[in-house]
PDB file of N, CA and C in Angstrom:
ATOM      1  N   MET A   1       0.758  -1.104   0.096  1.00  0.00           N
ATOM      2  CA  MET A   1      -0.165   0.039  -0.098  1.00  0.00           C
ATOM      3  C   MET A   1       0.732   1.539   0.127  1.00  0.00           C
ATOM      4  N   VAL A   2       1.501   1.517   0.744  1.00  0.00           N
ATOM      5  CA  VAL A   2       2.822   2.274   1.256  1.00  0.00           C
ATOM      6  C   VAL A   2       3.549   2.337  -0.521  1.00  0.00           C
ATOM      7  N   GLY A   3       3.850   1.496  -1.288  1.00  0.00           N
ATOM      8  CA  GLY A   3       4.435   1.605  -2.559  1.00  0.00           C
ATOM      9  C   GLY A   3       3.572   2.162  -3.444  1.00  0.00           C
ATOM     10  N   ARG A   4       2.474   2.013  -3.517  1.00  0.00           N
ATOM     11  CA  ARG A   4       1.645   2.524  -4.422  1.00  0.00           C
ATOM     12  C   ARG A   4       1.224   3.739  -4.182  1.00  0.00           C
ATOM     13  N   ILE A   5       1.171   4.222  -2.779  1.00  0.00           N
ATOM     14  CA  ILE A   5       0.867   5.619  -2.807  1.00  0.00           C
ATOM     15  C   ILE A   5       2.141   6.853  -3.034  1.00  0.00           C
ATOM     16  N   PHE A   6       3.515   6.150  -2.910  1.00  0.00           N
ATOM     17  CA  PHE A   6       4.732   6.538  -3.043  1.00  0.00           C
ATOM     18  C   PHE A   6       4.477   6.551  -4.729  1.00  0.00           C
ATOM     19  N   ALA A   7       4.234   5.695  -5.500  1.00  0.00           N
ATOM     20  CA  ALA A   7       4.422   5.549  -6.939  1.00  0.00           C
ATOM     21  C   ALA A   7       3.462   6.735  -7.613  1.00  0.00           C
ATOM     22  N   LEU A   8       2.246   6.548  -6.880  1.00  0.00           N
ATOM     23  CA  LEU A   8       1.198   7.798  -7.190  1.00  0.00           C
ATOM     24  C   LEU A   8       1.980   9.250  -7.073  1.00  0.00           C
ATOM     25  N   CYS A   9       2.305   9.534  -5.790  1.00  0.00           N
ATOM     26  CA  CYS A   9       2.814  10.850  -5.437  1.00  0.00           C
ATOM     27  C   CYS A   9       4.081  11.088  -6.358  1.00  0.00           C
ATOM     28  N   ALA A  10       4.886  10.280  -6.801  1.00  0.00           N
ATOM     29  CA  ALA A  10       5.837  10.359  -7.898  1.00  0.00           C
ATOM     30  C   ALA A  10       5.440  10.801  -9.057  1.00  0.00           C
ATOM     31  N   ALA A  11       4.399  10.050  -9.511  1.00  0.00           N
ATOM     32  CA  ALA A  11       3.857  10.284 -11.031  1.00  0.00           C
ATOM     33  C   ALA A  11       3.065  11.425 -10.813  1.00  0.00           C
ATOM     34  N   PHE A  12       2.354  12.069  -9.936  1.00  0.00           N
ATOM     35  CA  PHE A  12       1.879  13.384  -9.784  1.00  0.00           C
ATOM     36  C   PHE A  12       2.911  14.692  -9.675  1.00  0.00           C
ATOM     37  N   SER A  13       4.057  14.358  -9.018  1.00  0.00           N
ATOM     38  CA  SER A  13       4.968  15.547  -8.755  1.00  0.00           C
ATOM     39  C   SER A  13       5.749  15.586 -10.335  1.00  0.00           C
ATOM     40  N   LEU A  14       5.805  14.626 -10.839  1.00  0.00           N
ATOM     41  CA  LEU A  14       6.280  14.789 -12.163  1.00  0.00           C
ATOM     42  C   LEU A  14       5.369  15.128 -13.260  1.00  0.00           C
ATOM     43  N   ALA A  15       4.226  15.599 -12.904  1.00  0.00           N
ATOM     44  CA  ALA A  15       3.096  16.114 -14.036  1.00  0.00           C
ATOM     45  C   ALA A  15       3.600  17.672 -14.197  1.00  0.00           C
ATOM     46  N   GLY A  16       3.429  17.699 -15.643  1.00  0.00           N
ATOM     47  CA  GLY A  16       3.595  19.074 -16.119  1.00  0.00           C
ATOM     48  C   GLY A  16       5.365  19.389 -15.967  1.00  0.00           C
ATOM     49  N   CYS A  17       6.274  18.610 -16.408  1.00  0.00           N
ATOM     50  CA  CYS A  17       7.579  18.818 -16.072  1.00  0.00           C
ATOM     51  C   CYS A  17       7.951  20.091 -16.925  1.00  0.00           C
ATOM     52  N   ALA A  18       7.468  20.550 -18.260  1.00  0.00           N
ATOM     53  CA  ALA A  18       7.928  21.256 -19.045  1.00  0.00           C
ATOM     54  C   ALA A  18       7.353  22.392 -18.689  1.00  0.00           C
ATOM     55  N   THR A  19       6.205  22.394 -18.064  1.00  0.00           N
ATOM     56  CA  THR A  19       5.872  23.672 -17.432  1.00  0.00           C
ATOM     57  C   THR A  19       6.207  24.210 -16.598  1.00  0.00           C
ATOM     58  N   ILE A  20       7.068  23.306 -15.621  1.00  0.00           N
ATOM     59  CA  ILE A  20       7.983  23.853 -14.449  1.00  0.00           C
ATOM     60  C   ILE A  20       9.176  23.922 -14.857  1.00  0.00           C
ATOM     61  N   THR A  21       9.764  23.352 -15.670  1.00  0.00           N
ATOM     62  CA  THR A  21      11.298  23.801 -15.991  1.00  0.00           C
ATOM     63  C   THR A  21      11.485  24.807 -17.247  1.00  0.00           C
ATOM     64  N   ARG A  22      10.399  24.933 -18.331  1.00  0.00           N
ATOM     65  CA  ARG A  22      10.379  25.809 -18.938  1.00  0.00           C
ATOM     66  C   ARG A  22       9.532  27.133 -18.988  1.00  0.00           C
ATOM     67  N   GLY A  23       8.372  26.790 -18.400  1.00  0.00           N
ATOM     68  CA  GLY A  23       7.684  28.185 -18.234  1.00  0.00           C
ATOM     69  C   GLY A  23       6.478  27.940 -19.533  1.00  0.00           C
ATOM     70  N   THR A  24       5.513  28.592 -19.351  1.00  0.00           N
ATOM     71  CA  THR A  24       4.619  28.783 -20.235  1.00  0.00           C
ATOM     72  C   THR A  24       4.778  30.322 -21.265  1.00  0.00           C
ATOM     73  N   LYS A  25       5.897  30.803 -21.118  1.00  0.00           N
ATOM     74  CA  LYS A  25       6.096  32.200 -21.649  1.00  0.00           C
ATOM     75  C   LYS A  25       7.541  32.237 -21.769  1.00  0.00           C
ATOM     76  N   ASP A  26       7.635  32.948 -22.942  1.00  0.00           N
ATOM     77  CA  ASP A  26       9.070  33.059 -23.848  1.00  0.00           C
ATOM     78  C   ASP A  26       9.445  34.551 -24.364  1.00  0.00           C
ATOM     79  N   VAL A  27      10.804  34.669 -24.171  1.00  0.00           N
ATOM     80  CA  VAL A  27      10.935  35.954 -24.725  1.00  0.00           C
ATOM     81  C   VAL A  27      11.206  36.039 -26.173  1.00  0.00           C
ATOM     82  N   LEU A  28      10.592  37.179 -26.925  1.00  0.00           N
ATOM     83  CA  LEU A  28      10.624  37.236 -28.187  1.00  0.00           C
ATOM     84  C   LEU A  28      11.431  38.317 -28.553  1.00  0.00           C
ATOM     85  N   VAL A  29      12.422  37.884 -29.154  1.00  0.00           N
ATOM     86  CA  VAL A  29      13.329  39.447 -29.646  1.00  0.00           C
ATOM     87  C   VAL A  29      13.183  39.695 -30.917  1.00  0.00           C
ATOM     88  N   VAL A  30      13.066  41.097 -31.276  1.00  0.00           N
ATOM     89  CA  VAL A  30      12.927  41.644 -32.961  1.00  0.00           C
ATOM     90  C   VAL A  30      14.088  42.872 -32.824  1.00  0.00           C
ATOM     91  N   ASN A  31      15.083  42.381 -33.914  1.00  0.00           N
ATOM     92  CA  ASN A  31      15.852  43.168 -34.271  1.00  0.00           C
ATOM     93  C   ASN A  31      15.678  43.558 -35.700  1.00  0.00           C
ATOM     94  N   SER A  32      16.295  44.835 -36.100  1.00  0.00           N
ATOM     95  CA  SER A  32      15.862  45.139 -37.227  1.00  0.00           C
ATOM     96  C   SER A  32      17.375  46.033 -37.760  1.00  0.00           C
ATOM     97  N   THR A  33      17.535  45.830 -39.290  1.00  0.00           N
ATOM     98  CA  THR A  33      18.529  46.808 -39.607  1.00  0.00           C
ATOM     99  C   THR A  33      18.036  47.639 -40.913  1.00  0.00           C
ATOM    100  N   PRO A  34      18.371  49.079 -40.663  1.00  0.00           N
ATOM    101  CA  PRO A  34      18.814  49.598 -39.559  1.00  0.00           C
ATOM    102  C   PRO A  34      17.911  49.425 -38.444  1.00  0.00           C
ATOM    103  N   GLY A  35      18.898  49.904 -37.186  1.00  0.00           N
ATOM    104  CA  GLY A  35      17.916  49.634 -35.803  1.00  0.00           C
ATOM    105  C   GLY A  35      17.037  50.936 -35.724  1.00  0.00           C
ATOM    106  N   GLY A  36      16.541  51.040 -34.399  1.00  0.00           N
ATOM    107  CA  GLY A  36      15.765  52.098 -34.213  1.00  0.00           C
ATOM    108  C   GLY A  36      14.503  52.143 -34.915  1.00  0.00           C
ATOM    109  N   ALA A  37      13.721  51.109 -35.006  1.00  0.00           N
ATOM    110  CA  ALA A  37      12.294  50.730 -35.809  1.00  0.00           C
ATOM    111  C   ALA A  37      11.545  50.698 -34.616  1.00  0.00           C
ATOM    112  N   GLN A  38      10.213  50.980 -35.006  1.00  0.00           N
ATOM    113  CA  GLN A  38       9.324  50.829 -34.101  1.00  0.00           C
ATOM    114  C   GLN A  38       8.637  49.308 -34.354  1.00  0.00           C
ATOM    115  N   VAL A  39       8.170  48.838 -33.230  1.00  0.00           N
ATOM    116  CA  VAL A  39       7.666  47.283 -33.477  1.00  0.00           C
ATOM    117  C   VAL A  39       5.996  47.047 -32.909  1.00  0.00           C
ATOM    118  N   LYS A  40       5.119  46.484 -33.444  1.00  0.00           N
ATOM    119  CA  LYS A  40       4.055  46.240 -33.068  1.00  0.00           C
ATOM    120  C   LYS A  40       3.542  44.870 -33.089  1.00  0.00           C
ATOM    121  N   LEU A  41       3.378  44.371 -32.186  1.00  0.00           N
ATOM    122  CA  LEU A  41       2.680  42.777 -32.355  1.00  0.00           C
ATOM    123  C   LEU A  41       1.244  42.958 -32.158  1.00  0.00           C
ATOM    124  N   SER A  42       0.416  42.082 -32.777  1.00  0.00           N
ATOM    125  CA  SER A  42      -0.695  41.871 -32.957  1.00  0.00           C
ATOM    126  C   SER A  42      -1.550  41.473 -31.590  1.00  0.00           C
ATOM    127  N   ASP A  43      -0.742  41.115 -30.457  1.00  0.00           N
ATOM    128  CA  ASP A  43      -1.334  41.133 -29.187  1.00  0.00           C
ATOM    129  C   ASP A  43      -1.427  42.408 -28.693  1.00  0.00           C
ATOM    130  N   GLY A  44      -0.967  43.287 -29.266  1.00  0.00           N
ATOM    131  CA  GLY A  44      -0.976  44.911 -28.458  1.00  0.00           C
ATOM    132  C   GLY A  44       0.243  45.347 -27.886  1.00  0.00           C
ATOM    133  N   GLN A  45       1.240  44.370 -27.938  1.00  0.00           N
ATOM    134  CA  GLN A  45       2.454  44.929 -27.153  1.00  0.00           C
ATOM    135  C   GLN A  45       3.294  45.802 -28.333  1.00  0.00           C
ATOM    136  N   SER A  46       3.926  46.742 -28.005  1.00  0.00           N
ATOM    137  CA  SER A  46       4.985  47.558 -28.716  1.00  0.00           C
ATOM    138  C   SER A  46       6.065  48.036 -28.022  1.00  0.00           C
ATOM    139  N   CYS A  47       6.883  48.483 -29.083  1.00  0.00           N
ATOM    140  CA  CYS A  47       8.417  49.102 -28.735  1.00  0.00           C
ATOM    141  C   CYS A  47       8.577  49.993 -29.769  1.00  0.00           C
ATOM    142  N   ASP A  48       9.368  51.153 -29.043  1.00  0.00           N
ATOM    143  CA  ASP A  48       9.604  52.292 -30.029  1.00  0.00           C
ATOM    144  C   ASP A  48      10.918  52.204 -30.564  1.00  0.00           C
ATOM    145  N   ASN A  49      11.867  51.311 -30.135  1.00  0.00           N
ATOM    146  CA  ASN A  49      13.170  51.267 -30.824  1.00  0.00           C
ATOM    147  C   ASN A  49      13.821  50.109 -30.654  1.00  0.00           C
ATOM    148  N   THR A  50      13.939  49.405 -32.051  1.00  0.00           N
ATOM    149  CA  THR A  50      14.624  48.221 -31.699  1.00  0.00           C
ATOM    150  C   THR A  50      16.046  48.102 -31.479  1.00  0.00           C
ATOM    151  N   PRO A  51      16.813  47.198 -30.963  1.00  0.00           N
ATOM    152  CA  PRO A  51      16.122  45.891 -30.527  1.00  0.00           C
ATOM    153  C   PRO A  51      14.994  45.853 -29.556  1.00  0.00           C
ATOM    154  N   CYS A  52      13.999  45.082 -29.529  1.00  0.00           N
ATOM    155  CA  CYS A  52      13.079  44.851 -28.466  1.00  0.00           C
ATOM    156  C   CYS A  52      12.831  43.426 -28.127  1.00  0.00           C
ATOM    157  N   SER A  53      12.396  43.247 -26.975  1.00  0.00           N
ATOM    158  CA  SER A  53      12.079  42.038 -26.212  1.00  0.00           C
ATOM    159  C   SER A  53      10.897  42.217 -25.488  1.00  0.00           C
ATOM    160  N   PHE A  54       9.997  41.128 -25.939  1.00  0.00           N
ATOM    161  CA  PHE A  54       8.569  40.789 -25.467  1.00  0.00           C
ATOM    162  C   PHE A  54       8.290  39.689 -25.003  1.00  0.00           C
ATOM    163  N   LYS A  55       7.819  39.603 -23.786  1.00  0.00           N
ATOM    164  CA  LYS A  55       7.301  38.510 -22.764  1.00  0.00           C
ATOM    165  C   LYS A  55       6.158  37.779 -23.328  1.00  0.00           C
ATOM    166  N   VAL A  56       6.071  36.801 -24.062  1.00  0.00           N
ATOM    167  CA  VAL A  56       4.541  36.118 -24.745  1.00  0.00           C
ATOM    168  C   VAL A  56       4.727  34.620 -24.328  1.00  0.00           C
ATOM    169  N   PRO A  57       3.364  34.516 -24.385  1.00  0.00           N
ATOM    170  CA  PRO A  57       2.956  32.922 -24.288  1.00  0.00           C
ATOM    171  C   PRO A  57       3.844  31.924 -25.129  1.00  0.00           C
ATOM    172  N   ARG A  58       4.273  31.026 -25.131  1.00  0.00           N
ATOM    173  CA  ARG A  58       5.027  29.874 -25.887  1.00  0.00           C
ATOM    174  C   ARG A  58       4.087  29.505 -26.772  1.00  0.00           C
ATOM    175  N   LYS A  59       2.733  29.622 -26.611  1.00  0.00           N
ATOM    176  CA  LYS A  59       1.694  29.018 -27.782  1.00  0.00           C
ATOM    177  C   LYS A  59       1.281  29.959 -28.676  1.00  0.00           C
ATOM    178  N   SER A  60       1.839  31.301 -28.624  1.00  0.00           N
ATOM    179  CA  SER A  60       1.124  32.318 -29.392  1.00  0.00           C
ATOM    180  C   SER A  60       1.513  32.072 -30.815  1.00  0.00           C
ATOM    181  N   GLU A  61       0.823  32.671 -31.548  1.00  0.00           N
ATOM    182  CA  GLU A  61       0.893  32.792 -32.993  1.00  0.00           C
ATOM    183  C   GLU A  61       0.503  34.238 -33.031  1.00  0.00           C
ATOM    184  N   LEU A  62       1.347  35.137 -33.790  1.00  0.00           N
ATOM    185  CA  LEU A  62       1.086  36.226 -33.972  1.00  0.00           C
ATOM    186  C   LEU A  62       1.757  36.994 -34.881  1.00  0.00           C
ATOM    187  N   ASN A  63       1.556  38.487 -35.431  1.00  0.00           N
ATOM    188  CA  ASN A  63       2.076  39.043 -36.622  1.00  0.00           C
ATOM    189  C   ASN A  63       3.136  40.121 -35.888  1.00  0.00           C
ATOM    190  N   VAL A  64       4.266  40.361 -36.259  1.00  0.00           N
ATOM    191  CA  VAL A  64       4.994  41.348 -35.890  1.00  0.00           C
ATOM    192  C   VAL A  64       5.316  42.536 -37.137  1.00  0.00           C
ATOM    193  N   LEU A  65       4.915  43.776 -36.981  1.00  0.00           N
ATOM    194  CA  LEU A  65       5.065  44.611 -37.641  1.00  0.00           C
ATOM    195  C   LEU A  65       6.104  45.625 -37.276  1.00  0.00           C
ATOM    196  N   VAL A  66       7.201  45.721 -38.442  1.00  0.00           N
ATOM    197  CA  VAL A  66       8.140  46.687 -37.895  1.00  0.00           C
ATOM    198  C   VAL A  66       8.283  47.944 -39.002  1.00  0.00           C
ATOM    199  N   THR A  67       8.540  49.092 -38.173  1.00  0.00           N
ATOM    200  CA  THR A  67       8.060  50.090 -39.389  1.00  0.00           C
ATOM    201  C   THR A  67       9.422  51.433 -38.950  1.00  0.00           C
ATOM    202  N   LYS A  68       9.560  52.083 -39.853  1.00  0.00           N
ATOM    203  CA  LYS A  68      10.615  53.080 -39.504  1.00  0.00           C
ATOM    204  C   LYS A  68      10.424  54.250 -40.639  1.00  0.00           C
ATOM    205  N   ASP A  69      10.429  55.626 -40.155  1.00  0.00           N
ATOM    206  CA  ASP A  69      10.389  56.672 -41.387  1.00  0.00           C
ATOM    207  C   ASP A  69      11.359  56.137 -42.379  1.00  0.00           C
ATOM    208  N   ARG A  70      10.787  56.382 -43.416  1.00  0.00           N
ATOM    209  CA  ARG A  70      11.507  56.256 -44.837  1.00  0.00           C
ATOM    210  C   ARG A  70      12.074  55.062 -45.143  1.00  0.00           C
ATOM    211  N   CYS A  71      11.296  54.006 -44.546  1.00  0.00           N
ATOM    212  CA  CYS A  71      11.505  52.557 -44.870  1.00  0.00           C
ATOM    213  C   CYS A  71      10.066  51.940 -44.954  1.00  0.00           C
ATOM    214  N   LYS A  72      10.063  50.816 -46.259  1.00  0.00           N
ATOM    215  CA  LYS A  72       9.092  49.867 -46.364  1.00  0.00           C
ATOM    216  C   LYS A  72       8.784  49.091 -44.973  1.00  0.00           C
ATOM    217  N   PRO A  73       7.422  49.350 -44.560  1.00  0.00           N
ATOM    218  CA  PRO A  73       6.899  48.472 -43.456  1.00  0.00           C
ATOM    219  C   PRO A  73       7.226  46.778 -43.688  1.00  0.00           C
ATOM    220  N   GLN A  74       7.606  46.253 -42.738  1.00  0.00           N
ATOM    221  CA  GLN A  74       7.831  44.643 -42.953  1.00  0.00           C
ATOM    222  C   GLN A  74       6.882  44.129 -41.697  1.00  0.00           C
ATOM    223  N   GLN A  75       6.278  42.659 -42.183  1.00  0.00           N
ATOM    224  CA  GLN A  75       5.525  42.100 -41.279  1.00  0.00           C
ATOM    225  C   GLN A  75       5.837  40.504 -41.156  1.00  0.00           C
ATOM    226  N   ILE A  76       6.165  40.160 -40.105  1.00  0.00           N
ATOM    227  CA  ILE A  76       6.489  39.011 -40.099  1.00  0.00           C
ATOM    228  C   ILE A  76       5.706  38.061 -39.220  1.00  0.00           C
ATOM    229  N   ARG A  77       5.171  36.573 -39.645  1.00  0.00           N
ATOM    230  CA  ARG A  77       4.520  36.008 -38.743  1.00  0.00           C
ATOM    231  C   ARG A  77       5.170  35.001 -37.865  1.00  0.00           C
ATOM    232  N   VAL A  78       4.760  35.139 -36.774  1.00  0.00           N
ATOM    233  CA  VAL A  78       5.682  34.272 -35.516  1.00  0.00           C
ATOM    234  C   VAL A  78       4.235  33.155 -34.811  1.00  0.00           C
ATOM    235  N   THR A  79       5.040  31.872 -35.139  1.00  0.00           N
ATOM    236  CA  THR A  79       4.471  30.839 -34.975  1.00  0.00           C
ATOM    237  C   THR A  79       4.934  30.074 -33.738  1.00  0.00           C
ATOM    238  N   ASN A  80       4.810  28.630 -33.716  1.00  0.00           N
ATOM    239  CA  ASN A  80       5.212  27.812 -32.730  1.00  0.00           C
ATOM    240  C   ASN A  80       5.297  26.523 -33.092  1.00  0.00           C
ATOM    241  N   ARG A  81       6.554  25.953 -32.714  1.00  0.00           N
ATOM    242  CA  ARG A  81       6.547  24.352 -32.861  1.00  0.00           C
ATOM    243  C   ARG A  81       6.963  23.708 -31.658  1.00  0.00           C
ATOM    244  N   ILE A  82       6.942  22.405 -31.504  1.00  0.00           N
ATOM    245  CA  ILE A  82       7.470  21.829 -30.378  1.00  0.00           C
ATOM    246  C   ILE A  82       9.273  21.751 -30.402  1.00  0.00           C
ATOM    247  N   ALA A  83       9.664  22.036 -29.221  1.00  0.00           N
ATOM    248  CA  ALA A  83      11.025  22.427 -28.841  1.00  0.00           C
ATOM    249  C   ALA A  83      11.591  21.146 -28.692  1.00  0.00           C
ATOM    250  N   GLY A  84      12.831  21.086 -28.975  1.00  0.00           N
ATOM    251  CA  GLY A  84      13.687  19.742 -28.529  1.00  0.00           C
ATOM    252  C   GLY A  84      13.454  19.576 -27.137  1.00  0.00           C
ATOM    253  N   GLY A  85      13.679  20.255 -26.180  1.00  0.00           N
ATOM    254  CA  GLY A  85      13.247  20.131 -24.393  1.00  0.00           C
ATOM    255  C   GLY A  85      11.921  20.058 -24.430  1.00  0.00           C
ATOM    256  N   GLY A  86      10.986  20.533 -24.994  1.00  0.00           N
ATOM    257  CA  GLY A  86       9.829  20.144 -24.679  1.00  0.00           C
ATOM    258  C   GLY A  86       9.224  18.804 -25.160  1.00  0.00           C
ATOM    259  N   GLY A  87       9.701  18.568 -26.318  1.00  0.00           N
ATOM    260  CA  GLY A  87       9.201  17.003 -26.854  1.00  0.00           C
ATOM    261  C   GLY A  87       9.833  16.038 -25.596  1.00  0.00           C
ATOM    262  N   ALA A  88      11.403  16.415 -25.192  1.00  0.00           N
ATOM    263  CA  ALA A  88      11.992  15.482 -24.546  1.00  0.00           C
ATOM    264  C   ALA A  88      10.982  15.302 -22.947  1.00  0.00           C
ATOM    265  N   ALA A  89      10.642  16.464 -22.784  1.00  0.00           N
ATOM    266  CA  ALA A  89       9.758  16.529 -21.462  1.00  0.00           C
ATOM    267  C   ALA A  89       8.453  15.920 -21.595  1.00  0.00           C
ATOM    268  N   MET A  90       7.676  15.974 -22.783  1.00  0.00           N
ATOM    269  CA  MET A  90       6.519  15.069 -23.197  1.00  0.00           C
ATOM    270  C   MET A  90       6.873  13.869 -22.880  1.00  0.00           C
ATOM    271  N   ALA A  91       8.065  13.190 -23.480  1.00  0.00           N
ATOM    272  CA  ALA A  91       8.175  12.067 -23.453  1.00  0.00           C
ATOM    273  C   ALA A  91       8.340  11.449 -22.306  1.00  0.00           C
ATOM    274  N   GLY A  92       9.066  12.117 -21.414  1.00  0.00           N
ATOM    275  CA  GLY A  92       9.441  11.858 -20.193  1.00  0.00           C
ATOM    276  C   GLY A  92       8.027  11.650 -19.132  1.00  0.00           C
ATOM    277  N   ASN A  93       7.319  12.508 -19.462  1.00  0.00           N
ATOM    278  CA  ASN A  93       6.041  12.448 -18.806  1.00  0.00           C
ATOM    279  C   ASN A  93       5.101  11.193 -19.250  1.00  0.00           C
ATOM    280  N   VAL A  94       5.138  10.883 -20.459  1.00  0.00           N
ATOM    281  CA  VAL A  94       4.374   9.641 -20.903  1.00  0.00           C
ATOM    282  C   VAL A  94       5.304   8.533 -20.533  1.00  0.00           C
ATOM    283  N   LEU A  95       6.735   8.207 -20.524  1.00  0.00           N
ATOM    284  CA  LEU A  95       7.158   6.924 -19.824  1.00  0.00           C
ATOM    285  C   LEU A  95       7.092   6.776 -18.610  1.00  0.00           C
ATOM    286  N   VAL A  96       7.054   7.748 -17.633  1.00  0.00           N
ATOM    287  CA  VAL A  96       7.009   7.732 -16.256  1.00  0.00           C
ATOM    288  C   VAL A  96       5.414   7.234 -16.210  1.00  0.00           C
ATOM    289  N   GLY A  97       4.615   7.600 -16.677  1.00  0.00           N
ATOM    290  CA  GLY A  97       3.098   7.123 -16.720  1.00  0.00           C
ATOM    291  C   GLY A  97       2.524   8.555 -16.241  1.00  0.00           C
ATOM    292  N   GLY A  98       3.036   9.953 -16.490  1.00  0.00           N
ATOM    293  CA  GLY A  98       2.569  11.152 -15.949  1.00  0.00           C
ATOM    294  C   GLY A  98       1.627  11.517 -17.212  1.00  0.00           C
ATOM    295  N   ILE A  99       0.584  10.982 -17.621  1.00  0.00           N
ATOM    296  CA  ILE A  99      -0.291  11.259 -18.586  1.00  0.00           C
ATOM    297  C   ILE A  99      -0.861  12.831 -18.603  1.00  0.00           C
ATOM    298  N   ILE A 100      -1.343  12.782 -17.215  1.00  0.00           N
ATOM    299  CA  ILE A 100      -1.759  14.195 -16.619  1.00  0.00           C
ATOM    300  C   ILE A 100      -0.599  15.212 -17.030  1.00  0.00           C
ATOM    301  N   GLY A 101       0.766  14.973 -16.514  1.00  0.00           N
ATOM    302  CA  GLY A 101       1.770  15.960 -16.891  1.00  0.00           C
ATOM    303  C   GLY A 101       1.573  16.392 -18.334  1.00  0.00           C
ATOM    304  N   ALA A 102       1.712  15.052 -19.087  1.00  0.00           N
ATOM    305  CA  ALA A 102       1.523  15.311 -20.722  1.00  0.00           C
ATOM    306  C   ALA A 102       0.568  16.431 -21.137  1.00  0.00           C
ATOM    307  N   GLY A 103      -0.704  16.038 -20.632  1.00  0.00           N
ATOM    308  CA  GLY A 103      -1.713  17.082 -20.803  1.00  0.00           C
ATOM    309  C   GLY A 103      -1.712  18.407 -20.503  1.00  0.00           C
ATOM    310  N   VAL A 104      -0.904  18.579 -19.132  1.00  0.00           N
ATOM    311  CA  VAL A 104      -0.797  19.974 -18.907  1.00  0.00           C
ATOM    312  C   VAL A 104       0.200  20.404 -19.626  1.00  0.00           C
ATOM    313  N   ASP A 105       1.234  19.887 -19.954  1.00  0.00           N
ATOM    314  CA  ASP A 105       2.301  20.592 -20.835  1.00  0.00           C
ATOM    315  C   ASP A 105       1.762  20.942 -22.243  1.00  0.00           C
ATOM    316  N   ALA A 106       1.011  19.890 -22.951  1.00  0.00           N
ATOM    317  CA  ALA A 106       0.450  20.250 -24.004  1.00  0.00           C
ATOM    318  C   ALA A 106      -0.628  21.433 -24.009  1.00  0.00           C
ATOM    319  N   SER A 107      -1.380  21.542 -23.230  1.00  0.00           N
ATOM    320  CA  SER A 107      -2.321  22.509 -23.104  1.00  0.00           C
ATOM    321  C   SER A 107      -1.681  23.868 -22.562  1.00  0.00           C
ATOM    322  N   SER A 108      -0.715  24.037 -21.854  1.00  0.00           N
ATOM    323  CA  SER A 108      -0.090  25.299 -21.323  1.00  0.00           C
ATOM    324  C   SER A 108       0.957  25.747 -22.287  1.00  0.00           C
ATOM    325  N   GLY A 109       1.077  24.841 -23.492  1.00  0.00           N
ATOM    326  CA  GLY A 109       1.947  25.311 -24.380  1.00  0.00           C
ATOM    327  C   GLY A 109       3.531  25.348 -24.017  1.00  0.00           C
ATOM    328  N   ALA A 110       3.958  25.020 -22.940  1.00  0.00           N
ATOM    329  CA  ALA A 110       5.145  24.858 -22.217  1.00  0.00           C
ATOM    330  C   ALA A 110       6.204  24.008 -23.124  1.00  0.00           C
ATOM    331  N   MET A 111       5.916  22.850 -24.137  1.00  0.00           N
ATOM    332  CA  MET A 111       6.522  22.387 -24.961  1.00  0.00           C
ATOM    333  C   MET A 111       6.904  22.791 -26.167  1.00  0.00           C
ATOM    334  N   LEU A 112       6.502  24.221 -26.288  1.00  0.00           N
ATOM    335  CA  LEU A 112       6.589  24.682 -27.592  1.00  0.00           C
ATOM    336  C   LEU A 112       7.509  25.937 -27.558  1.00  0.00           C
ATOM    337  N   GLU A 113       8.002  26.344 -28.871  1.00  0.00           N
ATOM    338  CA  GLU A 113       8.818  27.409 -28.837  1.00  0.00           C
ATOM    339  C   GLU A 113       8.513  28.480 -29.768  1.00  0.00           C
ATOM    340  N   LEU A 114       9.094  29.626 -29.801  1.00  0.00           N
ATOM    341  CA  LEU A 114       8.488  30.462 -30.790  1.00  0.00           C
ATOM    342  C   LEU A 114       9.324  30.523 -32.174  1.00  0.00           C
ATOM    343  N   VAL A 115       8.765  30.610 -33.271  1.00  0.00           N
ATOM    344  CA  VAL A 115       9.721  30.526 -34.608  1.00  0.00           C
ATOM    345  C   VAL A 115       8.834  31.599 -35.486  1.00  0.00           C
ATOM    346  N   PRO A 116      10.009  32.450 -35.912  1.00  0.00           N
ATOM    347  CA  PRO A 116      11.535  32.599 -35.822  1.00  0.00           C
ATOM    348  C   PRO A 116      11.576  33.139 -34.507  1.00  0.00           C
ATOM    349  N   ASN A 117      12.583  33.004 -33.766  1.00  0.00           N
ATOM    350  CA  ASN A 117      12.919  33.740 -32.836  1.00  0.00           C
ATOM    351  C   ASN A 117      14.559  33.825 -32.521  1.00  0.00           C
ATOM    352  N   PRO A 118      15.315  34.793 -32.764  1.00  0.00           N
ATOM    353  CA  PRO A 118      15.009  36.059 -32.727  1.00  0.00           C
ATOM    354  C   PRO A 118      14.308  36.527 -34.081  1.00  0.00           C
ATOM    355  N   VAL A 119      13.580  37.482 -34.341  1.00  0.00           N
ATOM    356  CA  VAL A 119      12.929  38.210 -35.638  1.00  0.00           C
ATOM    357  C   VAL A 119      13.920  39.122 -35.993  1.00  0.00           C
ATOM    358  N   ASN A 120      14.747  38.690 -37.054  1.00  0.00           N
ATOM    359  CA  ASN A 120      15.521  39.739 -37.526  1.00  0.00           C
ATOM    360  C   ASN A 120      15.147  40.152 -38.899  1.00  0.00           C
ATOM    361  N   VAL A 121      14.883  41.433 -39.132  1.00  0.00           N
ATOM    362  CA  VAL A 121      14.172  42.143 -40.063  1.00  0.00           C
ATOM    363  C   VAL A 121      15.134  43.079 -40.886  1.00  0.00           C
ATOM    364  N   GLN A 122      14.998  43.104 -42.213  1.00  0.00           N
ATOM    365  CA  GLN A 122      16.307  43.948 -43.139  1.00  0.00           C
ATOM    366  C   GLN A 122      15.082  44.734 -43.605  1.00  0.00           C
ATOM    367  N   LEU A 123      15.044  46.279 -43.161  1.00  0.00           N
ATOM    368  CA  LEU A 123      14.272  47.130 -43.733  1.00  0.00           C
ATOM    369  C   LEU A 123      14.583  47.624 -45.065  1.00  0.00           C
ATOM    370  N   GLU A 124      14.116  47.838 -45.930  1.00  0.00           N
ATOM    371  CA  GLU A 124      14.520  48.714 -47.248  1.00  0.00           C
ATOM    372  C   GLU A 124      13.944  50.221 -46.938  1.00  0.00           C
ATOM    373  N   CYS A 125      15.225  50.988 -47.195  1.00  0.00           N
ATOM    374  CA  CYS A 125      15.026  52.441 -47.003  1.00  0.00           C
ATOM    375  C   CYS A 125      15.714  53.296 -47.835  1.00  0.00           C
ATOM    376  N   ARG A 126      14.943  54.486 -48.067  1.00  0.00           N
ATOM    377  CA  ARG A 126      15.198  55.173 -49.021  1.00  0.00           C
ATOM    378  C   ARG A 126      16.194  56.134 -48.822  1.00  0.00           C
TER     379      ARG A 126
END
């Protein structure tokens, strides 16, 4: 009986490994050449002077608009994919029997990474 309780506690303690180790948010970096451009994300965040850093959920899919006076605006789509570390954490959850943890990691987005990151934009200026 004690062994079963210990095994159950161990399984629940491993639930959501990627959520604990990687977190559900990531830092999205936006660079531009030339520098000093304005950046607006489709989630409402903005920055007045590149390079910029934004904290966004790993499961985000958003548009990044980069503008600068006398330059053609550039829009980049940022999506997500399963990260190497996120996939390993998911496999670990499943192998140990932590199907609950696998579900937590999948729904929280902790096993994902943003792509591209960093976002590097070459502005066409006159």
